[in-house]
N, C-alpha and C. Protein backbone atom coordinates (compact mmCIF):
# COMPACT_ATOMS: atom_id res chain seq x y z
N UNK A 1 -25.57 10.90 7.53
CA UNK A 1 -25.38 12.35 7.58
C UNK A 1 -25.87 12.95 6.28
N UNK A 2 -26.64 14.02 6.36
CA UNK A 2 -27.21 14.63 5.18
C UNK A 2 -26.12 15.24 4.33
N UNK A 3 -26.30 15.19 3.03
CA UNK A 3 -25.32 15.75 2.11
C UNK A 3 -25.40 17.26 2.15
N UNK A 4 -24.25 17.93 2.28
CA UNK A 4 -24.23 19.37 2.36
C UNK A 4 -24.58 19.96 1.00
N UNK A 5 -25.37 21.05 1.02
CA UNK A 5 -25.80 21.67 -0.22
C UNK A 5 -25.61 23.17 -0.13
N UNK A 6 -25.72 23.83 -1.26
CA UNK A 6 -25.66 25.28 -1.31
C UNK A 6 -26.89 25.77 -2.06
N UNK A 7 -27.26 27.03 -1.82
CA UNK A 7 -28.42 27.61 -2.50
C UNK A 7 -28.03 27.97 -3.92
N UNK A 8 -28.83 27.57 -4.90
CA UNK A 8 -28.51 27.86 -6.30
C UNK A 8 -29.11 29.17 -6.78
N UNK A 9 -29.65 29.98 -5.85
CA UNK A 9 -30.18 31.29 -6.21
C UNK A 9 -31.65 31.25 -6.57
N UNK A 10 -32.24 30.08 -6.65
CA UNK A 10 -33.65 29.96 -7.00
C UNK A 10 -34.46 29.40 -5.84
N UNK A 11 -33.85 29.40 -4.64
CA UNK A 11 -34.57 28.89 -3.50
C UNK A 11 -34.49 27.40 -3.34
N UNK A 12 -33.70 26.74 -4.22
CA UNK A 12 -33.58 25.30 -4.15
C UNK A 12 -32.12 24.93 -3.85
N UNK A 13 -31.91 23.98 -2.97
CA UNK A 13 -30.53 23.58 -2.67
C UNK A 13 -29.91 22.86 -3.86
N UNK A 14 -28.62 23.05 -4.04
CA UNK A 14 -27.90 22.36 -5.11
C UNK A 14 -26.71 21.64 -4.50
N UNK A 15 -26.27 20.53 -5.10
CA UNK A 15 -25.16 19.76 -4.53
C UNK A 15 -23.88 20.58 -4.47
N UNK A 16 -23.02 20.21 -3.51
CA UNK A 16 -21.71 20.87 -3.43
C UNK A 16 -20.92 20.52 -4.67
N UNK A 17 -20.02 21.41 -5.10
CA UNK A 17 -19.21 21.13 -6.29
C UNK A 17 -18.30 19.95 -6.03
N UNK A 18 -17.86 19.25 -7.12
CA UNK A 18 -16.94 18.13 -6.95
C UNK A 18 -15.68 18.56 -6.21
N UNK A 19 -14.97 17.57 -5.64
CA UNK A 19 -13.78 17.85 -4.84
C UNK A 19 -12.79 18.72 -5.59
N UNK A 20 -12.53 18.38 -6.87
CA UNK A 20 -11.46 19.07 -7.60
C UNK A 20 -11.80 20.52 -7.92
N UNK A 21 -13.08 20.94 -7.69
CA UNK A 21 -13.46 22.32 -7.97
C UNK A 21 -13.55 23.17 -6.71
N UNK A 22 -13.29 22.58 -5.56
CA UNK A 22 -13.37 23.36 -4.32
C UNK A 22 -12.01 23.98 -4.05
N UNK A 23 -11.95 25.28 -3.81
CA UNK A 23 -10.68 25.98 -3.62
C UNK A 23 -9.86 25.37 -2.48
N UNK A 24 -8.60 25.10 -2.76
CA UNK A 24 -7.68 24.62 -1.74
C UNK A 24 -7.86 23.18 -1.34
N UNK A 25 -8.86 22.50 -1.92
CA UNK A 25 -9.16 21.14 -1.48
C UNK A 25 -8.12 20.14 -1.98
N UNK A 26 -7.64 20.31 -3.21
CA UNK A 26 -6.72 19.34 -3.80
C UNK A 26 -5.44 19.21 -2.98
N UNK A 27 -4.84 20.34 -2.64
CA UNK A 27 -3.58 20.31 -1.89
C UNK A 27 -3.76 19.67 -0.52
N UNK A 28 -4.81 20.06 0.20
CA UNK A 28 -5.03 19.51 1.54
C UNK A 28 -5.35 18.02 1.46
N UNK A 29 -6.07 17.61 0.42
CA UNK A 29 -6.42 16.20 0.25
C UNK A 29 -5.17 15.37 0.00
N UNK A 30 -4.27 15.84 -0.87
CA UNK A 30 -3.05 15.10 -1.17
C UNK A 30 -2.15 15.01 0.06
N UNK A 31 -2.09 16.09 0.84
CA UNK A 31 -1.29 16.06 2.07
C UNK A 31 -1.86 15.04 3.05
N UNK A 32 -3.18 14.96 3.10
CA UNK A 32 -3.83 14.00 4.00
C UNK A 32 -3.57 12.57 3.56
N UNK A 33 -3.54 12.34 2.24
CA UNK A 33 -3.36 10.99 1.71
C UNK A 33 -1.90 10.55 1.67
N UNK A 34 -0.96 11.49 1.74
CA UNK A 34 0.46 11.17 1.55
C UNK A 34 0.97 10.04 2.45
N UNK A 35 0.71 10.06 3.78
CA UNK A 35 1.19 8.94 4.61
C UNK A 35 0.64 7.60 4.16
N UNK A 36 -0.64 7.56 3.80
CA UNK A 36 -1.25 6.30 3.35
C UNK A 36 -0.63 5.85 2.02
N UNK A 37 -0.37 6.80 1.14
CA UNK A 37 0.25 6.48 -0.15
C UNK A 37 1.63 5.86 0.07
N UNK A 38 2.43 6.49 0.92
CA UNK A 38 3.77 5.97 1.18
C UNK A 38 3.72 4.58 1.79
N UNK A 39 2.83 4.39 2.73
CA UNK A 39 2.71 3.08 3.37
C UNK A 39 2.36 2.00 2.36
N UNK A 40 1.37 2.28 1.51
CA UNK A 40 0.93 1.28 0.54
C UNK A 40 2.04 0.97 -0.46
N UNK A 41 2.73 2.00 -0.95
CA UNK A 41 3.83 1.79 -1.88
C UNK A 41 4.91 0.93 -1.22
N UNK A 42 5.22 1.23 0.04
CA UNK A 42 6.27 0.47 0.73
C UNK A 42 5.87 -0.99 0.94
N UNK A 43 4.58 -1.22 1.15
CA UNK A 43 4.11 -2.60 1.25
C UNK A 43 4.30 -3.34 -0.07
N UNK A 44 4.15 -2.63 -1.18
CA UNK A 44 4.15 -3.27 -2.49
C UNK A 44 5.54 -3.46 -3.10
N UNK A 45 6.52 -2.64 -2.70
CA UNK A 45 7.84 -2.73 -3.33
C UNK A 45 8.88 -3.20 -2.34
N UNK A 46 9.93 -3.79 -2.88
CA UNK A 46 11.01 -4.33 -2.07
C UNK A 46 12.07 -3.24 -1.85
N UNK A 47 12.38 -2.95 -0.59
CA UNK A 47 13.37 -1.94 -0.28
C UNK A 47 12.81 -0.53 -0.37
N UNK A 48 13.64 0.44 -0.04
CA UNK A 48 13.18 1.83 0.07
C UNK A 48 13.62 2.73 -1.07
N UNK A 49 14.45 2.20 -1.98
CA UNK A 49 15.10 3.06 -2.96
C UNK A 49 14.12 3.86 -3.81
N UNK A 50 12.99 3.26 -4.18
CA UNK A 50 12.07 3.92 -5.12
C UNK A 50 10.78 4.42 -4.47
N UNK A 51 10.66 4.29 -3.16
CA UNK A 51 9.39 4.62 -2.50
C UNK A 51 8.98 6.07 -2.75
N UNK A 52 9.89 7.01 -2.58
CA UNK A 52 9.54 8.42 -2.74
C UNK A 52 9.16 8.73 -4.18
N UNK A 53 9.91 8.21 -5.15
CA UNK A 53 9.60 8.48 -6.55
C UNK A 53 8.24 7.92 -6.94
N UNK A 54 7.96 6.68 -6.52
CA UNK A 54 6.67 6.08 -6.84
C UNK A 54 5.54 6.84 -6.15
N UNK A 55 5.76 7.24 -4.90
CA UNK A 55 4.73 7.98 -4.16
C UNK A 55 4.40 9.29 -4.86
N UNK A 56 5.44 9.99 -5.34
CA UNK A 56 5.20 11.25 -6.04
C UNK A 56 4.42 11.01 -7.33
N UNK A 57 4.76 9.94 -8.05
CA UNK A 57 4.04 9.62 -9.29
C UNK A 57 2.59 9.25 -8.97
N UNK A 58 2.38 8.56 -7.86
CA UNK A 58 1.02 8.20 -7.46
C UNK A 58 0.20 9.44 -7.10
N UNK A 59 0.83 10.39 -6.43
CA UNK A 59 0.12 11.63 -6.08
C UNK A 59 -0.29 12.40 -7.33
N UNK A 60 0.58 12.41 -8.33
CA UNK A 60 0.24 13.07 -9.60
C UNK A 60 -0.95 12.36 -10.25
N UNK A 61 -0.93 11.01 -10.21
CA UNK A 61 -2.03 10.25 -10.78
C UNK A 61 -3.34 10.53 -10.03
N UNK A 62 -3.25 10.67 -8.71
CA UNK A 62 -4.44 10.99 -7.92
C UNK A 62 -4.97 12.37 -8.30
N UNK A 63 -4.06 13.32 -8.46
CA UNK A 63 -4.46 14.68 -8.82
C UNK A 63 -5.17 14.69 -10.17
N UNK A 64 -4.61 13.95 -11.14
CA UNK A 64 -5.23 13.89 -12.46
C UNK A 64 -6.55 13.13 -12.43
N UNK A 65 -6.69 12.21 -11.49
CA UNK A 65 -7.90 11.40 -11.44
C UNK A 65 -9.04 12.02 -10.67
N UNK A 66 -8.77 13.07 -9.90
CA UNK A 66 -9.82 13.68 -9.08
C UNK A 66 -11.06 14.11 -9.86
N UNK A 67 -10.91 14.67 -11.07
CA UNK A 67 -12.13 15.06 -11.80
C UNK A 67 -13.06 13.89 -12.08
N UNK A 68 -12.52 12.67 -12.12
CA UNK A 68 -13.35 11.50 -12.41
C UNK A 68 -13.98 10.90 -11.16
N UNK A 69 -13.54 11.35 -9.99
CA UNK A 69 -14.10 10.81 -8.74
C UNK A 69 -15.43 11.49 -8.45
N UNK A 70 -16.48 10.68 -8.37
CA UNK A 70 -17.84 11.22 -8.19
C UNK A 70 -18.38 11.02 -6.78
N UNK A 71 -17.54 10.52 -5.87
CA UNK A 71 -18.01 10.34 -4.52
C UNK A 71 -18.66 8.99 -4.27
N UNK A 72 -18.57 8.09 -5.25
CA UNK A 72 -19.13 6.75 -5.07
C UNK A 72 -18.12 5.89 -4.32
N UNK A 73 -18.46 5.45 -3.12
CA UNK A 73 -17.54 4.65 -2.33
C UNK A 73 -16.57 5.52 -1.55
N UNK A 74 -15.75 4.86 -0.73
CA UNK A 74 -14.80 5.57 0.10
C UNK A 74 -13.69 6.19 -0.75
N UNK A 75 -13.30 7.40 -0.41
CA UNK A 75 -12.23 8.08 -1.14
C UNK A 75 -10.92 7.30 -1.02
N UNK A 76 -10.64 6.76 0.18
CA UNK A 76 -9.37 6.07 0.37
C UNK A 76 -9.31 4.78 -0.45
N UNK A 77 -10.45 4.12 -0.65
CA UNK A 77 -10.47 2.92 -1.47
C UNK A 77 -10.19 3.27 -2.93
N UNK A 78 -10.79 4.35 -3.38
CA UNK A 78 -10.53 4.84 -4.74
C UNK A 78 -9.06 5.21 -4.89
N UNK A 79 -8.50 5.90 -3.89
CA UNK A 79 -7.10 6.30 -3.94
C UNK A 79 -6.17 5.09 -3.91
N UNK A 80 -6.50 4.10 -3.09
CA UNK A 80 -5.67 2.89 -2.99
C UNK A 80 -5.53 2.20 -4.35
N UNK A 81 -6.63 2.13 -5.08
CA UNK A 81 -6.58 1.46 -6.39
C UNK A 81 -5.62 2.19 -7.33
N UNK A 82 -5.69 3.51 -7.33
CA UNK A 82 -4.82 4.29 -8.21
C UNK A 82 -3.36 4.13 -7.79
N UNK A 83 -3.10 4.15 -6.48
CA UNK A 83 -1.72 3.99 -6.00
C UNK A 83 -1.18 2.62 -6.39
N UNK A 84 -1.99 1.58 -6.23
CA UNK A 84 -1.55 0.23 -6.59
C UNK A 84 -1.26 0.13 -8.08
N UNK A 85 -2.14 0.68 -8.91
CA UNK A 85 -1.92 0.61 -10.36
C UNK A 85 -0.68 1.40 -10.77
N UNK A 86 -0.47 2.54 -10.14
CA UNK A 86 0.73 3.33 -10.43
C UNK A 86 1.99 2.56 -10.05
N UNK A 87 1.94 1.90 -8.90
CA UNK A 87 3.10 1.13 -8.44
C UNK A 87 3.39 -0.03 -9.37
N UNK A 88 2.36 -0.77 -9.77
CA UNK A 88 2.55 -1.90 -10.68
C UNK A 88 3.09 -1.42 -12.03
N UNK A 89 2.60 -0.28 -12.51
CA UNK A 89 3.09 0.25 -13.78
C UNK A 89 4.57 0.61 -13.67
N UNK A 90 4.95 1.19 -12.54
CA UNK A 90 6.35 1.54 -12.30
C UNK A 90 7.21 0.27 -12.30
N UNK A 91 6.77 -0.74 -11.59
CA UNK A 91 7.54 -1.99 -11.52
C UNK A 91 7.69 -2.63 -12.89
N UNK A 92 6.64 -2.57 -13.70
CA UNK A 92 6.72 -3.13 -15.05
C UNK A 92 7.74 -2.36 -15.90
N UNK A 93 7.76 -1.04 -15.77
CA UNK A 93 8.72 -0.24 -16.53
C UNK A 93 10.15 -0.59 -16.11
N UNK A 94 10.35 -0.73 -14.81
CA UNK A 94 11.69 -1.06 -14.32
C UNK A 94 12.13 -2.44 -14.81
N UNK A 95 11.20 -3.38 -14.79
CA UNK A 95 11.53 -4.73 -15.25
C UNK A 95 11.82 -4.74 -16.74
N UNK A 96 11.00 -4.05 -17.51
CA UNK A 96 11.17 -4.06 -18.96
C UNK A 96 12.46 -3.35 -19.38
N UNK A 97 12.88 -2.36 -18.62
CA UNK A 97 14.09 -1.62 -18.96
C UNK A 97 15.33 -2.19 -18.29
N UNK A 98 15.17 -3.29 -17.56
CA UNK A 98 16.28 -3.97 -16.87
C UNK A 98 16.93 -3.08 -15.83
N UNK A 99 16.17 -2.15 -15.26
CA UNK A 99 16.71 -1.25 -14.25
C UNK A 99 16.23 -1.58 -12.85
N UNK A 100 15.50 -2.68 -12.72
CA UNK A 100 14.97 -3.03 -11.41
C UNK A 100 16.12 -3.32 -10.46
N UNK A 101 16.01 -2.85 -9.24
CA UNK A 101 17.04 -3.07 -8.24
C UNK A 101 16.52 -3.99 -7.15
N UNK A 102 17.44 -4.74 -6.58
CA UNK A 102 17.07 -5.70 -5.54
C UNK A 102 17.95 -5.46 -4.33
N UNK A 103 17.91 -4.23 -3.83
CA UNK A 103 18.76 -3.85 -2.71
C UNK A 103 18.20 -4.37 -1.40
N UNK A 104 19.08 -4.58 -0.43
CA UNK A 104 18.63 -4.90 0.92
C UNK A 104 17.92 -3.68 1.50
N UNK A 105 16.86 -3.87 2.27
CA UNK A 105 16.16 -2.72 2.85
C UNK A 105 17.05 -1.95 3.81
N UNK A 106 16.96 -0.61 3.70
CA UNK A 106 17.71 0.25 4.61
C UNK A 106 16.76 0.73 5.70
N UNK A 107 16.74 2.01 5.98
CA UNK A 107 15.80 2.51 6.98
C UNK A 107 14.38 2.33 6.46
N UNK A 108 13.54 1.70 7.25
CA UNK A 108 12.20 1.38 6.78
C UNK A 108 11.33 2.63 6.68
N UNK A 109 10.56 2.69 5.62
CA UNK A 109 9.63 3.80 5.44
C UNK A 109 8.25 3.34 5.88
N UNK A 110 7.82 3.80 7.02
CA UNK A 110 6.49 3.50 7.52
C UNK A 110 5.95 4.76 8.15
N UNK A 111 4.94 5.35 7.54
CA UNK A 111 4.45 6.64 8.00
C UNK A 111 3.01 6.50 8.44
N UNK A 112 2.77 6.05 9.67
CA UNK A 112 1.40 5.92 10.15
C UNK A 112 0.76 7.28 10.36
N UNK A 113 -0.51 7.28 10.62
CA UNK A 113 -1.19 8.53 10.90
C UNK A 113 -0.62 9.15 12.17
N UNK A 114 -0.87 10.45 12.35
CA UNK A 114 -0.28 11.16 13.47
C UNK A 114 -0.68 10.57 14.82
N UNK A 115 -1.88 10.00 14.90
CA UNK A 115 -2.36 9.49 16.17
C UNK A 115 -2.17 7.98 16.29
N UNK A 116 -1.41 7.37 15.36
CA UNK A 116 -1.17 5.93 15.43
C UNK A 116 -0.25 5.62 16.61
N UNK A 117 -0.57 4.59 17.39
CA UNK A 117 0.28 4.23 18.53
C UNK A 117 1.63 3.69 18.06
N UNK A 118 2.61 3.73 18.96
CA UNK A 118 3.96 3.29 18.62
C UNK A 118 3.98 1.82 18.23
N UNK A 119 3.20 0.98 18.94
CA UNK A 119 3.24 -0.45 18.62
C UNK A 119 2.71 -0.73 17.22
N UNK A 120 1.80 0.12 16.72
CA UNK A 120 1.32 -0.04 15.34
C UNK A 120 2.45 0.26 14.36
N UNK A 121 3.21 1.31 14.65
CA UNK A 121 4.35 1.67 13.81
C UNK A 121 5.36 0.53 13.77
N UNK A 122 5.68 -0.03 14.91
CA UNK A 122 6.65 -1.14 14.99
C UNK A 122 6.11 -2.36 14.24
N UNK A 123 4.81 -2.63 14.41
CA UNK A 123 4.21 -3.77 13.72
C UNK A 123 4.32 -3.61 12.21
N UNK A 124 4.05 -2.41 11.71
CA UNK A 124 4.15 -2.17 10.27
C UNK A 124 5.57 -2.38 9.78
N UNK A 125 6.54 -1.91 10.55
CA UNK A 125 7.93 -2.12 10.17
C UNK A 125 8.25 -3.60 10.08
N UNK A 126 7.77 -4.37 11.03
CA UNK A 126 8.04 -5.80 11.05
C UNK A 126 7.39 -6.49 9.86
N UNK A 127 6.15 -6.12 9.55
CA UNK A 127 5.46 -6.72 8.41
C UNK A 127 6.22 -6.42 7.12
N UNK A 128 6.70 -5.18 6.97
CA UNK A 128 7.43 -4.81 5.76
C UNK A 128 8.70 -5.63 5.61
N UNK A 129 9.43 -5.86 6.71
CA UNK A 129 10.66 -6.65 6.62
C UNK A 129 10.36 -8.08 6.22
N UNK A 130 9.22 -8.63 6.66
CA UNK A 130 8.84 -9.98 6.26
C UNK A 130 8.42 -10.00 4.79
N UNK A 131 7.67 -9.00 4.36
CA UNK A 131 7.24 -8.94 2.97
C UNK A 131 8.44 -8.83 2.03
N UNK A 132 9.50 -8.17 2.49
CA UNK A 132 10.70 -8.03 1.66
C UNK A 132 11.36 -9.37 1.37
N UNK A 133 10.99 -10.41 2.11
CA UNK A 133 11.67 -11.71 2.00
C UNK A 133 10.85 -12.75 1.24
N UNK A 134 9.71 -12.36 0.68
CA UNK A 134 8.91 -13.31 -0.10
C UNK A 134 8.81 -12.82 -1.54
N UNK A 135 8.48 -13.70 -2.49
CA UNK A 135 8.39 -13.30 -3.90
C UNK A 135 7.37 -12.18 -4.11
N UNK A 136 7.66 -11.31 -5.09
CA UNK A 136 6.78 -10.17 -5.34
C UNK A 136 5.35 -10.59 -5.69
N UNK A 137 5.19 -11.70 -6.43
CA UNK A 137 3.85 -12.12 -6.81
C UNK A 137 3.00 -12.41 -5.57
N UNK A 138 3.59 -13.09 -4.60
CA UNK A 138 2.87 -13.39 -3.36
C UNK A 138 2.67 -12.10 -2.55
N UNK A 139 3.67 -11.28 -2.51
CA UNK A 139 3.61 -10.02 -1.77
C UNK A 139 2.44 -9.16 -2.27
N UNK A 140 2.34 -8.99 -3.59
CA UNK A 140 1.30 -8.13 -4.14
C UNK A 140 -0.09 -8.69 -3.85
N UNK A 141 -0.25 -9.99 -3.97
CA UNK A 141 -1.55 -10.59 -3.68
C UNK A 141 -1.95 -10.38 -2.23
N UNK A 142 -1.00 -10.56 -1.32
CA UNK A 142 -1.29 -10.39 0.10
C UNK A 142 -1.66 -8.95 0.43
N UNK A 143 -0.93 -7.99 -0.15
CA UNK A 143 -1.20 -6.58 0.15
C UNK A 143 -2.57 -6.18 -0.41
N UNK A 144 -2.86 -6.58 -1.64
CA UNK A 144 -4.16 -6.24 -2.22
C UNK A 144 -5.31 -6.84 -1.40
N UNK A 145 -5.11 -8.04 -0.89
CA UNK A 145 -6.18 -8.72 -0.17
C UNK A 145 -6.32 -8.23 1.28
N UNK A 146 -5.20 -8.16 1.99
CA UNK A 146 -5.26 -7.88 3.42
C UNK A 146 -5.12 -6.40 3.78
N UNK A 147 -4.45 -5.62 2.95
CA UNK A 147 -4.30 -4.19 3.22
C UNK A 147 -5.39 -3.39 2.51
N UNK A 148 -5.58 -3.68 1.22
CA UNK A 148 -6.59 -2.95 0.46
C UNK A 148 -7.97 -3.60 0.54
N UNK A 149 -8.04 -4.79 1.15
CA UNK A 149 -9.31 -5.50 1.36
C UNK A 149 -10.03 -5.80 0.05
N UNK A 150 -9.27 -6.14 -0.98
CA UNK A 150 -9.86 -6.53 -2.26
C UNK A 150 -10.19 -8.02 -2.23
N UNK A 151 -11.27 -8.39 -2.89
CA UNK A 151 -11.66 -9.79 -2.97
C UNK A 151 -10.78 -10.52 -3.98
N UNK A 152 -10.84 -11.85 -3.96
CA UNK A 152 -10.07 -12.64 -4.92
C UNK A 152 -10.44 -12.29 -6.36
N UNK A 153 -11.74 -12.20 -6.70
CA UNK A 153 -12.09 -11.81 -8.08
C UNK A 153 -11.56 -10.42 -8.45
N UNK A 154 -11.60 -9.48 -7.49
CA UNK A 154 -11.10 -8.13 -7.77
C UNK A 154 -9.59 -8.15 -8.03
N UNK A 155 -8.86 -8.95 -7.25
CA UNK A 155 -7.42 -9.06 -7.45
C UNK A 155 -7.12 -9.68 -8.80
N UNK A 156 -7.86 -10.73 -9.15
CA UNK A 156 -7.66 -11.38 -10.45
C UNK A 156 -7.87 -10.40 -11.59
N UNK A 157 -8.91 -9.56 -11.49
CA UNK A 157 -9.18 -8.57 -12.53
C UNK A 157 -8.10 -7.50 -12.55
N UNK A 158 -7.65 -7.07 -11.38
CA UNK A 158 -6.64 -6.02 -11.30
C UNK A 158 -5.31 -6.47 -11.89
N UNK A 159 -4.92 -7.71 -11.60
CA UNK A 159 -3.61 -8.22 -12.04
C UNK A 159 -3.69 -8.97 -13.37
N UNK A 160 -4.90 -9.26 -13.83
CA UNK A 160 -5.05 -9.97 -15.09
C UNK A 160 -4.60 -11.42 -15.02
N UNK A 161 -4.93 -12.09 -13.90
CA UNK A 161 -4.54 -13.49 -13.71
C UNK A 161 -5.77 -14.29 -13.29
N UNK A 162 -5.72 -15.63 -13.44
CA UNK A 162 -6.87 -16.47 -13.05
C UNK A 162 -7.13 -16.46 -11.55
N UNK A 163 -8.36 -16.77 -11.17
CA UNK A 163 -8.74 -16.81 -9.76
C UNK A 163 -7.88 -17.80 -8.98
N UNK A 164 -7.65 -18.97 -9.57
CA UNK A 164 -6.86 -19.98 -8.86
C UNK A 164 -5.43 -19.52 -8.63
N UNK A 165 -4.91 -18.74 -9.55
CA UNK A 165 -3.55 -18.21 -9.37
C UNK A 165 -3.51 -17.26 -8.17
N UNK A 166 -4.55 -16.44 -8.04
CA UNK A 166 -4.62 -15.53 -6.88
C UNK A 166 -4.69 -16.34 -5.59
N UNK A 167 -5.55 -17.34 -5.56
CA UNK A 167 -5.68 -18.16 -4.35
C UNK A 167 -4.36 -18.85 -4.02
N UNK A 168 -3.68 -19.33 -5.04
CA UNK A 168 -2.40 -20.01 -4.82
C UNK A 168 -1.37 -19.05 -4.24
N UNK A 169 -1.30 -17.84 -4.80
CA UNK A 169 -0.33 -16.85 -4.30
C UNK A 169 -0.65 -16.44 -2.87
N UNK A 170 -1.92 -16.31 -2.55
CA UNK A 170 -2.30 -15.97 -1.19
C UNK A 170 -1.92 -17.09 -0.23
N UNK A 171 -2.19 -18.32 -0.63
CA UNK A 171 -1.86 -19.46 0.22
C UNK A 171 -0.35 -19.58 0.43
N UNK A 172 0.41 -19.47 -0.65
CA UNK A 172 1.86 -19.58 -0.54
C UNK A 172 2.44 -18.41 0.25
N UNK A 173 1.87 -17.23 0.04
CA UNK A 173 2.36 -16.06 0.76
C UNK A 173 2.12 -16.16 2.25
N UNK A 174 0.92 -16.60 2.64
CA UNK A 174 0.63 -16.77 4.07
C UNK A 174 1.55 -17.80 4.69
N UNK A 175 1.76 -18.90 3.98
CA UNK A 175 2.64 -19.96 4.49
C UNK A 175 4.06 -19.43 4.67
N UNK A 176 4.53 -18.67 3.69
CA UNK A 176 5.89 -18.12 3.76
C UNK A 176 6.03 -17.16 4.94
N UNK A 177 5.03 -16.31 5.16
CA UNK A 177 5.09 -15.36 6.27
C UNK A 177 5.06 -16.08 7.61
N UNK A 178 4.21 -17.10 7.72
CA UNK A 178 4.16 -17.86 8.97
C UNK A 178 5.50 -18.55 9.23
N UNK A 179 6.12 -19.09 8.19
CA UNK A 179 7.40 -19.77 8.35
C UNK A 179 8.49 -18.79 8.78
N UNK A 180 8.52 -17.63 8.15
CA UNK A 180 9.52 -16.61 8.51
C UNK A 180 9.32 -16.13 9.94
N UNK A 181 8.05 -15.91 10.33
CA UNK A 181 7.76 -15.45 11.69
C UNK A 181 8.18 -16.50 12.70
N UNK A 182 7.93 -17.78 12.38
CA UNK A 182 8.32 -18.85 13.29
C UNK A 182 9.84 -18.95 13.41
N UNK A 183 10.54 -18.75 12.31
CA UNK A 183 12.00 -18.77 12.35
C UNK A 183 12.55 -17.65 13.22
N UNK A 184 11.96 -16.46 13.08
CA UNK A 184 12.40 -15.33 13.90
C UNK A 184 12.16 -15.62 15.38
N UNK A 185 10.99 -16.17 15.69
CA UNK A 185 10.67 -16.48 17.09
C UNK A 185 11.64 -17.51 17.65
N UNK A 186 11.99 -18.52 16.84
CA UNK A 186 12.93 -19.55 17.30
C UNK A 186 14.32 -18.95 17.53
N UNK A 187 14.72 -18.04 16.65
CA UNK A 187 16.03 -17.41 16.80
C UNK A 187 16.09 -16.55 18.06
N UNK A 188 14.96 -15.89 18.37
CA UNK A 188 14.93 -15.05 19.57
C UNK A 188 15.03 -15.89 20.83
N UNK A 189 14.54 -17.13 20.77
CA UNK A 189 14.59 -18.00 21.95
C UNK A 189 15.93 -18.71 22.10
N UNK A 190 16.75 -18.69 21.04
CA UNK A 190 18.03 -19.39 21.09
C UNK A 190 19.05 -18.54 21.82
N UNK A 191 19.70 -19.07 22.85
CA UNK A 191 20.72 -18.29 23.56
C UNK A 191 21.90 -18.00 22.67
N UNK A 192 22.43 -16.79 22.80
CA UNK A 192 23.55 -16.37 21.96
C UNK A 192 24.82 -16.15 22.76
N UNK A 193 24.90 -16.76 23.92
CA UNK A 193 26.09 -16.59 24.75
C UNK A 193 27.24 -17.41 24.22
N UNK A 194 28.45 -17.32 24.82
CA UNK A 194 29.61 -18.07 24.36
C UNK A 194 29.39 -19.56 24.54
N UNK A 195 29.95 -20.34 23.64
CA UNK A 195 29.81 -21.79 23.70
C UNK A 195 30.63 -22.35 24.85
N UNK A 196 30.05 -23.37 25.50
CA UNK A 196 30.75 -23.99 26.62
C UNK A 196 31.20 -25.38 26.20
N UNK A 197 32.08 -25.99 27.01
CA UNK A 197 32.52 -27.34 26.74
C UNK A 197 33.59 -27.41 25.68
N UNK A 198 34.41 -26.36 25.58
CA UNK A 198 35.51 -26.35 24.61
C UNK A 198 36.60 -27.29 25.02
N UNK A 199 37.66 -27.35 24.23
CA UNK A 199 38.77 -28.26 24.55
C UNK A 199 39.43 -27.92 25.85
């Protein structure tokens, strides 16, 4: 699709202004990204207690970062990186200040797009509950790789860890998720009726 242009007054087309200079664009863009931001944050953190606060901080970071976005690559990929970095920074602050909480998940926060089917919403909820049960290191590697579609070298650079460490976390995380899913399936097949053959 041809890039939209405007007349610069000299008979020659000129590029459209950057996103952050177009009237009303910032607010509509943040509203459009909000469901994706919440989903990604919820994938990365355990429980729901801090999801809204982290999401708001991520939106502020996106707003501040818009002047640096030049349109290279997908906007959502650029936004995902900022959201992930904001989330990791938040988690580091909580850990360093000894304020990190390890609450059991309450009502799950999963905000799919408006046209997302119900089964997609349910699937996301299920994935989040499984992610809540594995170590954060494995969780973050899996989300960066499978949700954000980052390569192993990109994850290593983002987290500042060796390539083999990333591969190990991905392998352990996949194994843990498969084990948890198998346990759930076995529990669903186990009858829960009253025990027979009593005294």
